[in-house]
Amino acid sequence: MAAKRQTRAPVFAALGDETRLALVAKLCGGRPCSISQLTRGSKLTRQAITKHLRVLESAGVVHSIRMGRESRFEFDPQPLEGIRKYLDFVSEQWDQALSRLTSFVED
């Protein structure tokens, strides 16, 4: 279980920033976006957006594709699926613990 936590921790860390969450939301549209497209409408520089994208890429949440002279970024839902499964597991543990507590208190 510890190994799985180590692989999930970078995803949680990457998604713990509102700018990166906004980038993921933009990339969920299904088509690859360039840094210029992702910078549009933002007060951040291209360099700042690139830095955030590298964090997301390092966590596996996005990946880049080289198209001509520019890189385009795509969302990869697989790491989030692992997070969802982990949160479902934790939620089930909490439900069981609350059920045991309820039984204990009611007896």
N, C-alpha and C. Protein backbone atom coordinates (compact mmCIF):
# COMPACT_ATOMS: atom_id res chain seq x y z
N MET A 1 0.83 -1.20 0.00
CA MET A 1 0.00 0.00 0.00
C MET A 1 0.87 1.26 0.00
N ALA A 2 2.02 1.21 0.66
CA ALA A 2 2.90 2.38 0.72
C ALA A 2 3.41 2.76 -0.67
N ALA A 3 3.71 1.77 -1.49
CA ALA A 3 4.17 2.05 -2.86
C ALA A 3 3.09 2.75 -3.66
N LYS A 4 1.85 2.33 -3.49
CA LYS A 4 0.76 2.97 -4.22
C LYS A 4 0.57 4.41 -3.75
N ARG A 5 0.75 4.66 -2.44
CA ARG A 5 0.63 6.03 -1.93
C ARG A 5 1.71 6.91 -2.55
N GLN A 6 2.91 6.37 -2.71
CA GLN A 6 3.99 7.15 -3.29
C GLN A 6 3.71 7.52 -4.74
N THR A 7 3.03 6.65 -5.48
CA THR A 7 2.73 6.98 -6.87
C THR A 7 1.56 7.96 -6.97
N ARG A 8 0.70 7.97 -5.96
CA ARG A 8 -0.45 8.88 -5.99
C ARG A 8 -0.12 10.26 -5.43
N ALA A 9 0.85 10.33 -4.55
CA ALA A 9 1.19 11.60 -3.90
C ALA A 9 1.53 12.70 -4.91
N PRO A 10 2.32 12.43 -5.95
CA PRO A 10 2.61 13.49 -6.93
C PRO A 10 1.36 14.00 -7.65
N VAL A 11 0.37 13.12 -7.85
CA VAL A 11 -0.87 13.55 -8.51
C VAL A 11 -1.63 14.50 -7.59
N PHE A 12 -1.75 14.12 -6.31
CA PHE A 12 -2.41 15.01 -5.35
C PHE A 12 -1.67 16.34 -5.27
N ALA A 13 -0.34 16.30 -5.22
CA ALA A 13 0.45 17.53 -5.13
C ALA A 13 0.26 18.39 -6.37
N ALA A 14 0.27 17.77 -7.54
CA ALA A 14 0.11 18.52 -8.79
C ALA A 14 -1.27 19.17 -8.86
N LEU A 15 -2.27 18.48 -8.38
CA LEU A 15 -3.64 19.01 -8.45
C LEU A 15 -3.96 19.94 -7.29
N GLY A 16 -3.01 20.12 -6.37
CA GLY A 16 -3.23 20.97 -5.22
C GLY A 16 -3.02 22.45 -5.49
N ASP A 17 -2.91 22.82 -6.74
CA ASP A 17 -2.69 24.22 -7.12
C ASP A 17 -3.83 24.65 -8.04
N GLU A 18 -4.43 25.80 -7.76
CA GLU A 18 -5.60 26.22 -8.54
C GLU A 18 -5.27 26.50 -10.00
N THR A 19 -4.06 26.97 -10.28
CA THR A 19 -3.67 27.20 -11.68
C THR A 19 -3.59 25.88 -12.43
N ARG A 20 -3.01 24.88 -11.81
CA ARG A 20 -2.91 23.57 -12.47
C ARG A 20 -4.28 22.94 -12.63
N LEU A 21 -5.16 23.12 -11.65
CA LEU A 21 -6.53 22.62 -11.80
C LEU A 21 -7.23 23.29 -12.98
N ALA A 22 -7.00 24.59 -13.15
CA ALA A 22 -7.59 25.31 -14.28
C ALA A 22 -7.04 24.79 -15.60
N LEU A 23 -5.75 24.48 -15.63
CA LEU A 23 -5.15 23.93 -16.86
C LEU A 23 -5.75 22.57 -17.18
N VAL A 24 -5.92 21.74 -16.17
CA VAL A 24 -6.52 20.42 -16.39
C VAL A 24 -7.94 20.58 -16.92
N ALA A 25 -8.68 21.53 -16.36
CA ALA A 25 -10.05 21.78 -16.84
C ALA A 25 -10.06 22.19 -18.30
N LYS A 26 -9.11 23.04 -18.69
CA LYS A 26 -9.02 23.44 -20.11
C LYS A 26 -8.67 22.26 -21.00
N LEU A 27 -7.82 21.37 -20.49
CA LEU A 27 -7.39 20.23 -21.31
C LEU A 27 -8.40 19.09 -21.35
N CYS A 28 -9.40 19.15 -20.51
CA CYS A 28 -10.43 18.09 -20.50
C CYS A 28 -11.36 18.17 -21.71
N GLY A 29 -11.19 19.19 -22.52
CA GLY A 29 -12.01 19.33 -23.72
C GLY A 29 -11.75 18.26 -24.76
N GLY A 30 -10.67 17.52 -24.61
CA GLY A 30 -10.41 16.40 -25.49
C GLY A 30 -9.44 16.64 -26.63
N ARG A 31 -9.09 17.89 -26.86
CA ARG A 31 -8.14 18.13 -27.96
C ARG A 31 -6.86 18.72 -27.39
N PRO A 32 -5.72 18.40 -27.98
CA PRO A 32 -4.45 18.94 -27.49
C PRO A 32 -4.42 20.46 -27.63
N CYS A 33 -3.80 21.12 -26.66
CA CYS A 33 -3.69 22.57 -26.66
C CYS A 33 -2.23 23.00 -26.58
N SER A 34 -1.91 24.06 -27.28
CA SER A 34 -0.56 24.63 -27.21
C SER A 34 -0.46 25.50 -25.97
N ILE A 35 0.76 25.86 -25.64
CA ILE A 35 0.97 26.75 -24.50
C ILE A 35 0.30 28.10 -24.77
N SER A 36 0.35 28.56 -26.01
CA SER A 36 -0.33 29.83 -26.35
C SER A 36 -1.82 29.74 -26.08
N GLN A 37 -2.44 28.64 -26.47
CA GLN A 37 -3.87 28.47 -26.24
C GLN A 37 -4.18 28.41 -24.74
N LEU A 38 -3.31 27.74 -23.99
CA LEU A 38 -3.54 27.61 -22.55
C LEU A 38 -3.26 28.92 -21.80
N THR A 39 -2.43 29.77 -22.36
CA THR A 39 -2.10 31.06 -21.74
C THR A 39 -3.20 32.09 -21.99
N ARG A 40 -3.91 31.93 -23.10
CA ARG A 40 -4.96 32.89 -23.47
C ARG A 40 -5.98 33.03 -22.34
N GLY A 41 -6.26 34.27 -21.98
CA GLY A 41 -7.23 34.54 -20.92
C GLY A 41 -6.64 34.45 -19.52
N SER A 42 -5.36 34.21 -19.42
CA SER A 42 -4.70 34.11 -18.12
C SER A 42 -3.78 35.30 -17.92
N LYS A 43 -3.54 35.63 -16.68
CA LYS A 43 -2.61 36.71 -16.36
C LYS A 43 -1.18 36.19 -16.26
N LEU A 44 -1.03 34.88 -16.39
CA LEU A 44 0.29 34.26 -16.27
C LEU A 44 1.05 34.31 -17.59
N THR A 45 2.37 34.29 -17.48
CA THR A 45 3.22 34.27 -18.67
C THR A 45 3.28 32.85 -19.24
N ARG A 46 3.76 32.76 -20.45
CA ARG A 46 3.97 31.45 -21.08
C ARG A 46 4.92 30.60 -20.24
N GLN A 47 5.95 31.25 -19.68
CA GLN A 47 6.92 30.53 -18.88
C GLN A 47 6.27 29.95 -17.62
N ALA A 48 5.39 30.72 -17.00
CA ALA A 48 4.70 30.23 -15.80
C ALA A 48 3.77 29.06 -16.14
N ILE A 49 3.04 29.19 -17.24
CA ILE A 49 2.16 28.11 -17.68
C ILE A 49 2.99 26.86 -17.99
N THR A 50 4.12 27.05 -18.65
CA THR A 50 4.99 25.92 -18.99
C THR A 50 5.46 25.22 -17.72
N LYS A 51 5.82 25.99 -16.71
CA LYS A 51 6.27 25.42 -15.45
C LYS A 51 5.17 24.56 -14.81
N HIS A 52 3.95 25.07 -14.81
CA HIS A 52 2.82 24.31 -14.27
C HIS A 52 2.56 23.05 -15.09
N LEU A 53 2.66 23.16 -16.40
CA LEU A 53 2.44 22.00 -17.26
C LEU A 53 3.49 20.92 -17.01
N ARG A 54 4.71 21.32 -16.74
CA ARG A 54 5.78 20.34 -16.45
C ARG A 54 5.49 19.59 -15.15
N VAL A 55 4.94 20.28 -14.16
CA VAL A 55 4.55 19.62 -12.91
C VAL A 55 3.46 18.59 -13.19
N LEU A 56 2.45 18.99 -13.97
CA LEU A 56 1.37 18.07 -14.33
C LEU A 56 1.89 16.90 -15.15
N GLU A 57 2.83 17.18 -16.05
CA GLU A 57 3.40 16.12 -16.88
C GLU A 57 4.22 15.15 -16.03
N SER A 58 4.96 15.68 -15.09
CA SER A 58 5.76 14.85 -14.19
C SER A 58 4.87 13.91 -13.37
N ALA A 59 3.68 14.38 -13.01
CA ALA A 59 2.73 13.55 -12.26
C ALA A 59 1.94 12.62 -13.16
N GLY A 60 2.08 12.77 -14.47
CA GLY A 60 1.39 11.89 -15.41
C GLY A 60 -0.01 12.34 -15.77
N VAL A 61 -0.41 13.51 -15.31
CA VAL A 61 -1.78 13.99 -15.55
C VAL A 61 -1.93 14.54 -16.97
N VAL A 62 -0.86 15.06 -17.54
CA VAL A 62 -0.86 15.51 -18.93
C VAL A 62 0.38 14.95 -19.62
N HIS A 63 0.33 14.91 -20.91
CA HIS A 63 1.53 14.57 -21.68
C HIS A 63 1.59 15.49 -22.90
N SER A 64 2.81 15.67 -23.37
CA SER A 64 2.99 16.59 -24.50
C SER A 64 3.24 15.81 -25.78
N ILE A 65 2.80 16.43 -26.85
CA ILE A 65 3.00 15.88 -28.20
C ILE A 65 3.66 16.99 -29.00
N ARG A 66 4.71 16.65 -29.68
CA ARG A 66 5.40 17.63 -30.51
C ARG A 66 4.67 17.71 -31.85
N MET A 67 4.22 18.91 -32.21
CA MET A 67 3.55 19.15 -33.49
C MET A 67 4.24 20.32 -34.16
N GLY A 68 5.12 20.01 -35.09
CA GLY A 68 5.88 21.08 -35.74
C GLY A 68 6.83 21.72 -34.76
N ARG A 69 6.72 23.03 -34.63
CA ARG A 69 7.62 23.76 -33.75
C ARG A 69 7.10 23.91 -32.33
N GLU A 70 5.90 23.47 -32.08
CA GLU A 70 5.36 23.66 -30.74
C GLU A 70 4.90 22.34 -30.12
N SER A 71 4.84 22.36 -28.82
CA SER A 71 4.32 21.22 -28.08
C SER A 71 2.85 21.47 -27.80
N ARG A 72 2.09 20.41 -27.87
CA ARG A 72 0.69 20.47 -27.49
C ARG A 72 0.50 19.51 -26.34
N PHE A 73 -0.36 19.90 -25.44
CA PHE A 73 -0.56 19.11 -24.23
C PHE A 73 -1.94 18.49 -24.23
N GLU A 74 -1.98 17.24 -23.75
CA GLU A 74 -3.23 16.48 -23.65
C GLU A 74 -3.42 16.00 -22.22
N PHE A 75 -4.66 15.92 -21.81
CA PHE A 75 -5.03 15.39 -20.51
C PHE A 75 -4.97 13.87 -20.56
N ASP A 76 -4.44 13.25 -19.51
CA ASP A 76 -4.41 11.79 -19.39
C ASP A 76 -5.23 11.42 -18.15
N PRO A 77 -6.42 10.86 -18.32
CA PRO A 77 -7.29 10.57 -17.17
C PRO A 77 -6.83 9.39 -16.30
N GLN A 78 -5.91 8.59 -16.77
CA GLN A 78 -5.52 7.37 -16.05
C GLN A 78 -5.05 7.62 -14.62
N PRO A 79 -4.17 8.59 -14.36
CA PRO A 79 -3.76 8.82 -12.97
C PRO A 79 -4.93 9.23 -12.07
N LEU A 80 -5.89 9.96 -12.62
CA LEU A 80 -7.05 10.35 -11.83
C LEU A 80 -7.96 9.17 -11.53
N GLU A 81 -7.97 8.20 -12.41
CA GLU A 81 -8.73 6.98 -12.15
C GLU A 81 -8.14 6.26 -10.94
N GLY A 82 -6.82 6.22 -10.86
CA GLY A 82 -6.16 5.63 -9.70
C GLY A 82 -6.49 6.38 -8.42
N ILE A 83 -6.54 7.70 -8.51
CA ILE A 83 -6.92 8.53 -7.36
C ILE A 83 -8.36 8.25 -6.96
N ARG A 84 -9.24 8.15 -7.95
CA ARG A 84 -10.65 7.86 -7.65
C ARG A 84 -10.79 6.54 -6.92
N LYS A 85 -10.09 5.52 -7.39
CA LYS A 85 -10.15 4.20 -6.74
C LYS A 85 -9.62 4.28 -5.30
N TYR A 86 -8.55 5.04 -5.12
CA TYR A 86 -7.98 5.21 -3.79
C TYR A 86 -8.98 5.91 -2.87
N LEU A 87 -9.62 6.98 -3.35
CA LEU A 87 -10.59 7.69 -2.54
C LEU A 87 -11.81 6.83 -2.24
N ASP A 88 -12.22 6.00 -3.19
CA ASP A 88 -13.31 5.05 -2.94
C ASP A 88 -12.93 4.08 -1.83
N PHE A 89 -11.69 3.60 -1.85
CA PHE A 89 -11.19 2.68 -0.84
C PHE A 89 -11.19 3.35 0.54
N VAL A 90 -10.68 4.57 0.61
CA VAL A 90 -10.64 5.30 1.88
C VAL A 90 -12.06 5.58 2.36
N SER A 91 -12.94 5.95 1.46
CA SER A 91 -14.33 6.22 1.81
C SER A 91 -15.00 4.97 2.39
N GLU A 92 -14.73 3.84 1.79
CA GLU A 92 -15.29 2.57 2.30
C GLU A 92 -14.77 2.28 3.70
N GLN A 93 -13.49 2.54 3.93
CA GLN A 93 -12.92 2.33 5.28
C GLN A 93 -13.62 3.23 6.30
N TRP A 94 -13.86 4.49 5.92
CA TRP A 94 -14.55 5.40 6.81
C TRP A 94 -15.98 4.93 7.08
N ASP A 95 -16.66 4.49 6.04
CA ASP A 95 -18.03 3.99 6.21
C ASP A 95 -18.06 2.81 7.18
N GLN A 96 -17.10 1.91 7.04
CA GLN A 96 -17.03 0.74 7.94
C GLN A 96 -16.74 1.19 9.38
N ALA A 97 -15.82 2.14 9.54
CA ALA A 97 -15.48 2.64 10.87
C ALA A 97 -16.68 3.32 11.52
N LEU A 98 -17.42 4.11 10.75
CA LEU A 98 -18.61 4.77 11.29
C LEU A 98 -19.69 3.76 11.64
N SER A 99 -19.80 2.73 10.84
CA SER A 99 -20.78 1.69 11.12
C SER A 99 -20.44 0.97 12.42
N ARG A 100 -19.15 0.67 12.62
CA ARG A 100 -18.72 0.02 13.86
C ARG A 100 -18.98 0.94 15.07
N LEU A 101 -18.71 2.22 14.89
CA LEU A 101 -18.94 3.18 15.97
C LEU A 101 -20.41 3.28 16.29
N THR A 102 -21.25 3.33 15.28
CA THR A 102 -22.71 3.38 15.48
C THR A 102 -23.18 2.14 16.25
N SER A 103 -22.70 0.98 15.83
CA SER A 103 -23.08 -0.26 16.52
C SER A 103 -22.62 -0.24 17.97
N PHE A 104 -21.44 0.24 18.22
CA PHE A 104 -20.89 0.31 19.57
C PHE A 104 -21.72 1.24 20.45
N VAL A 105 -22.08 2.41 19.90
CA VAL A 105 -22.82 3.41 20.67
C VAL A 105 -24.25 2.94 20.91
N GLU A 106 -24.85 2.27 19.97
CA GLU A 106 -26.24 1.85 20.10
C GLU A 106 -26.41 0.62 20.98
N ASP A 107 -25.35 -0.14 21.18
CA ASP A 107 -25.46 -1.35 22.02
C ASP A 107 -25.36 -1.04 23.49
